[in-house]
Amino acid sequence: MGHRRTDSTRRYNYAHLICAYLLHNNLSRADVTARDIAQFHHLAGSSSQSISALLNFLYSNHIRETRFGFYIMGTAPFKKSDYPHHYTIELIDQAHGLL
């Protein structure tokens, strides 16, 4: 609710940031929030909304494509307020070559 619309170029940029987060931390699977990723890359607070919009888009449309470098296995509310969500993200094997 209230998420910004993200164009395709920005989607790939945010997907790259998510892969970079996982690879830098030597993770192939992680439970993270969009805020975790934004803070890791020292991005403005509004960026976490865009990252969250991308993650929701990929999850709700069941998108599992190598061009994004990862897929979302599941999501769960972090607190009773239903925000932020924790996303269970797993790298696709070919993601290591994307960075």
C-alpha atoms as a PDB file:
ATOM      1  CA  MET A   1       0.000   0.000   0.000  1.00  0.00           C
ATOM      2  CA  GLY A   2       1.433   3.346  -1.017  1.00  0.00           C
ATOM      3  CA  HIS A   3       4.392   1.851  -2.879  1.00  0.00           C
ATOM      4  CA  ARG A   4       5.972   3.802  -5.689  1.00  0.00           C
ATOM      5  CA  ARG A   5       5.875   2.463  -9.212  1.00  0.00           C
ATOM      6  CA  THR A   6       9.343   1.379 -10.347  1.00  0.00           C
ATOM      7  CA  ASP A   7      10.338   1.439 -14.032  1.00  0.00           C
ATOM      8  CA  SER A   8      12.306  -1.441 -15.572  1.00  0.00           C
ATOM      9  CA  THR A   9      15.715   0.294 -15.499  1.00  0.00           C
ATOM     10  CA  ARG A  10      15.360   1.045 -11.813  1.00  0.00           C
ATOM     11  CA  ARG A  11      14.159  -2.523 -11.205  1.00  0.00           C
ATOM     12  CA  TYR A  12      17.417  -3.883 -12.585  1.00  0.00           C
ATOM     13  CA  ASN A  13      19.434  -1.350 -10.581  1.00  0.00           C
ATOM     14  CA  TYR A  14      17.691  -2.392  -7.371  1.00  0.00           C
ATOM     15  CA  ALA A  15      18.036  -6.069  -8.303  1.00  0.00           C
ATOM     16  CA  HIS A  16      21.771  -5.463  -8.700  1.00  0.00           C
ATOM     17  CA  LEU A  17      21.889  -3.912  -5.205  1.00  0.00           C
ATOM     18  CA  ILE A  18      20.085  -6.920  -3.738  1.00  0.00           C
ATOM     19  CA  CYS A  19      22.514  -9.349  -5.402  1.00  0.00           C
ATOM     20  CA  ALA A  20      25.458  -7.238  -4.262  1.00  0.00           C
ATOM     21  CA  TYR A  21      24.141  -7.335  -0.689  1.00  0.00           C
ATOM     22  CA  LEU A  22      23.898 -11.127  -0.740  1.00  0.00           C
ATOM     23  CA  LEU A  23      27.234 -11.695  -2.467  1.00  0.00           C
ATOM     24  CA  HIS A  24      29.126  -9.237  -0.247  1.00  0.00           C
ATOM     25  CA  ASN A  25      27.825 -11.041   2.825  1.00  0.00           C
ATOM     26  CA  ASN A  26      28.615 -14.469   1.291  1.00  0.00           C
ATOM     27  CA  LEU A  27      24.957 -15.494   1.402  1.00  0.00           C
ATOM     28  CA  SER A  28      23.126 -17.600  -1.124  1.00  0.00           C
ATOM     29  CA  ARG A  29      19.885 -17.338   0.872  1.00  0.00           C
ATOM     30  CA  ALA A  30      18.823 -14.699   3.375  1.00  0.00           C
ATOM     31  CA  ASP A  31      15.855 -13.297   5.253  1.00  0.00           C
ATOM     32  CA  VAL A  32      16.103  -9.530   4.783  1.00  0.00           C
ATOM     33  CA  THR A  33      13.996  -6.412   4.678  1.00  0.00           C
ATOM     34  CA  ALA A  34      14.174  -3.730   2.009  1.00  0.00           C
ATOM     35  CA  ARG A  35      15.431  -1.411   4.744  1.00  0.00           C
ATOM     36  CA  ASP A  36      18.370  -3.776   5.426  1.00  0.00           C
ATOM     37  CA  ILE A  37      19.450  -3.542   1.794  1.00  0.00           C
ATOM     38  CA  ALA A  38      19.026   0.240   1.619  1.00  0.00           C
ATOM     39  CA  GLN A  39      21.018   0.758   4.811  1.00  0.00           C
ATOM     40  CA  PHE A  40      23.787  -1.570   3.634  1.00  0.00           C
ATOM     41  CA  HIS A  41      24.257   0.567   0.507  1.00  0.00           C
ATOM     42  CA  HIS A  42      23.833   3.860   2.436  1.00  0.00           C
ATOM     43  CA  LEU A  43      20.762   4.845   0.398  1.00  0.00           C
ATOM     44  CA  ALA A  44      18.094   7.361   1.348  1.00  0.00           C
ATOM     45  CA  GLY A  45      15.116   6.099   3.311  1.00  0.00           C
ATOM     46  CA  SER A  46      12.823   6.449   0.313  1.00  0.00           C
ATOM     47  CA  SER A  47      14.931   3.879  -1.541  1.00  0.00           C
ATOM     48  CA  SER A  48      13.720   1.161   0.795  1.00  0.00           C
ATOM     49  CA  GLN A  49      10.182   1.805  -0.482  1.00  0.00           C
ATOM     50  CA  SER A  50      11.336   1.286  -4.058  1.00  0.00           C
ATOM     51  CA  ILE A  51      13.259  -1.857  -3.136  1.00  0.00           C
ATOM     52  CA  SER A  52      10.197  -3.130  -1.316  1.00  0.00           C
ATOM     53  CA  ALA A  53       8.044  -2.377  -4.372  1.00  0.00           C
ATOM     54  CA  LEU A  54      10.411  -4.417  -6.543  1.00  0.00           C
ATOM     55  CA  LEU A  55      10.418  -7.316  -4.103  1.00  0.00           C
ATOM     56  CA  ASN A  56       6.609  -7.260  -3.862  1.00  0.00           C
ATOM     57  CA  PHE A  57       6.344  -7.131  -7.671  1.00  0.00           C
ATOM     58  CA  LEU A  58       8.636 -10.128  -8.119  1.00  0.00           C
ATOM     59  CA  TYR A  59       6.974 -12.112  -5.354  1.00  0.00           C
ATOM     60  CA  SER A  60       3.357 -11.433  -6.306  1.00  0.00           C
ATOM     61  CA  ASN A  61       4.010 -12.217  -9.981  1.00  0.00           C
ATOM     62  CA  HIS A  62       6.080 -15.342  -9.172  1.00  0.00           C
ATOM     63  CA  ILE A  63       8.979 -14.058 -11.271  1.00  0.00           C
ATOM     64  CA  ARG A  64      12.047 -16.275 -11.221  1.00  0.00           C
ATOM     65  CA  GLU A  65      14.309 -15.045 -13.992  1.00  0.00           C
ATOM     66  CA  THR A  66      18.091 -15.075 -14.176  1.00  0.00           C
ATOM     67  CA  ARG A  67      18.161 -11.443 -15.336  1.00  0.00           C
ATOM     68  CA  PHE A  68      17.277 -10.402 -11.775  1.00  0.00           C
ATOM     69  CA  GLY A  69      19.810 -12.794 -10.242  1.00  0.00           C
ATOM     70  CA  PHE A  70      17.583 -13.999  -7.399  1.00  0.00           C
ATOM     71  CA  TYR A  71      14.102 -15.132  -6.589  1.00  0.00           C
ATOM     72  CA  ILE A  72      11.893 -14.696  -3.581  1.00  0.00           C
ATOM     73  CA  MET A  73      10.982 -17.875  -1.769  1.00  0.00           C
ATOM     74  CA  GLY A  74       8.571 -16.213   0.646  1.00  0.00           C
ATOM     75  CA  THR A  75       7.661 -13.206   2.711  1.00  0.00           C
ATOM     76  CA  ALA A  76       6.425 -12.590   6.235  1.00  0.00           C
ATOM     77  CA  PRO A  77       5.495  -9.518   8.268  1.00  0.00           C
ATOM     78  CA  PHE A  78       8.249  -8.470  10.638  1.00  0.00           C
ATOM     79  CA  LYS A  79       5.952  -6.795  13.167  1.00  0.00           C
ATOM     80  CA  LYS A  80       2.240  -6.624  13.840  1.00  0.00           C
ATOM     81  CA  SER A  81       2.001  -3.502  11.679  1.00  0.00           C
ATOM     82  CA  ASP A  82       2.783  -5.682   8.598  1.00  0.00           C
ATOM     83  CA  TYR A  83       5.722  -3.426   7.724  1.00  0.00           C
ATOM     84  CA  PRO A  84       8.531  -3.977   7.082  1.00  0.00           C
ATOM     85  CA  HIS A  85       8.303  -7.401   5.518  1.00  0.00           C
ATOM     86  CA  HIS A  86      11.043  -9.962   5.696  1.00  0.00           C
ATOM     87  CA  TYR A  87      11.735 -11.517   2.320  1.00  0.00           C
ATOM     88  CA  THR A  88      13.398 -14.882   1.953  1.00  0.00           C
ATOM     89  CA  ILE A  89      15.644 -14.325  -1.048  1.00  0.00           C
ATOM     90  CA  GLU A  90      17.792 -16.910  -2.784  1.00  0.00           C
ATOM     91  CA  LEU A  91      20.425 -16.246  -5.398  1.00  0.00           C
ATOM     92  CA  ILE A  92      20.113 -17.975  -8.734  1.00  0.00           C
ATOM     93  CA  ASP A  93      23.361 -19.802  -9.560  1.00  0.00           C
ATOM     94  CA  GLN A  94      24.175 -17.513 -12.493  1.00  0.00           C
ATOM     95  CA  ALA A  95      23.942 -14.412 -10.265  1.00  0.00           C
ATOM     96  CA  HIS A  96      27.623 -14.637  -9.368  1.00  0.00           C
ATOM     97  CA  GLY A  97      28.468 -13.575 -12.929  1.00  0.00           C
ATOM     98  CA  LEU A  98      26.122 -10.571 -12.876  1.00  0.00           C
ATOM     99  CA  LEU A  99      28.380  -8.408 -10.705  1.00  0.00           C
END
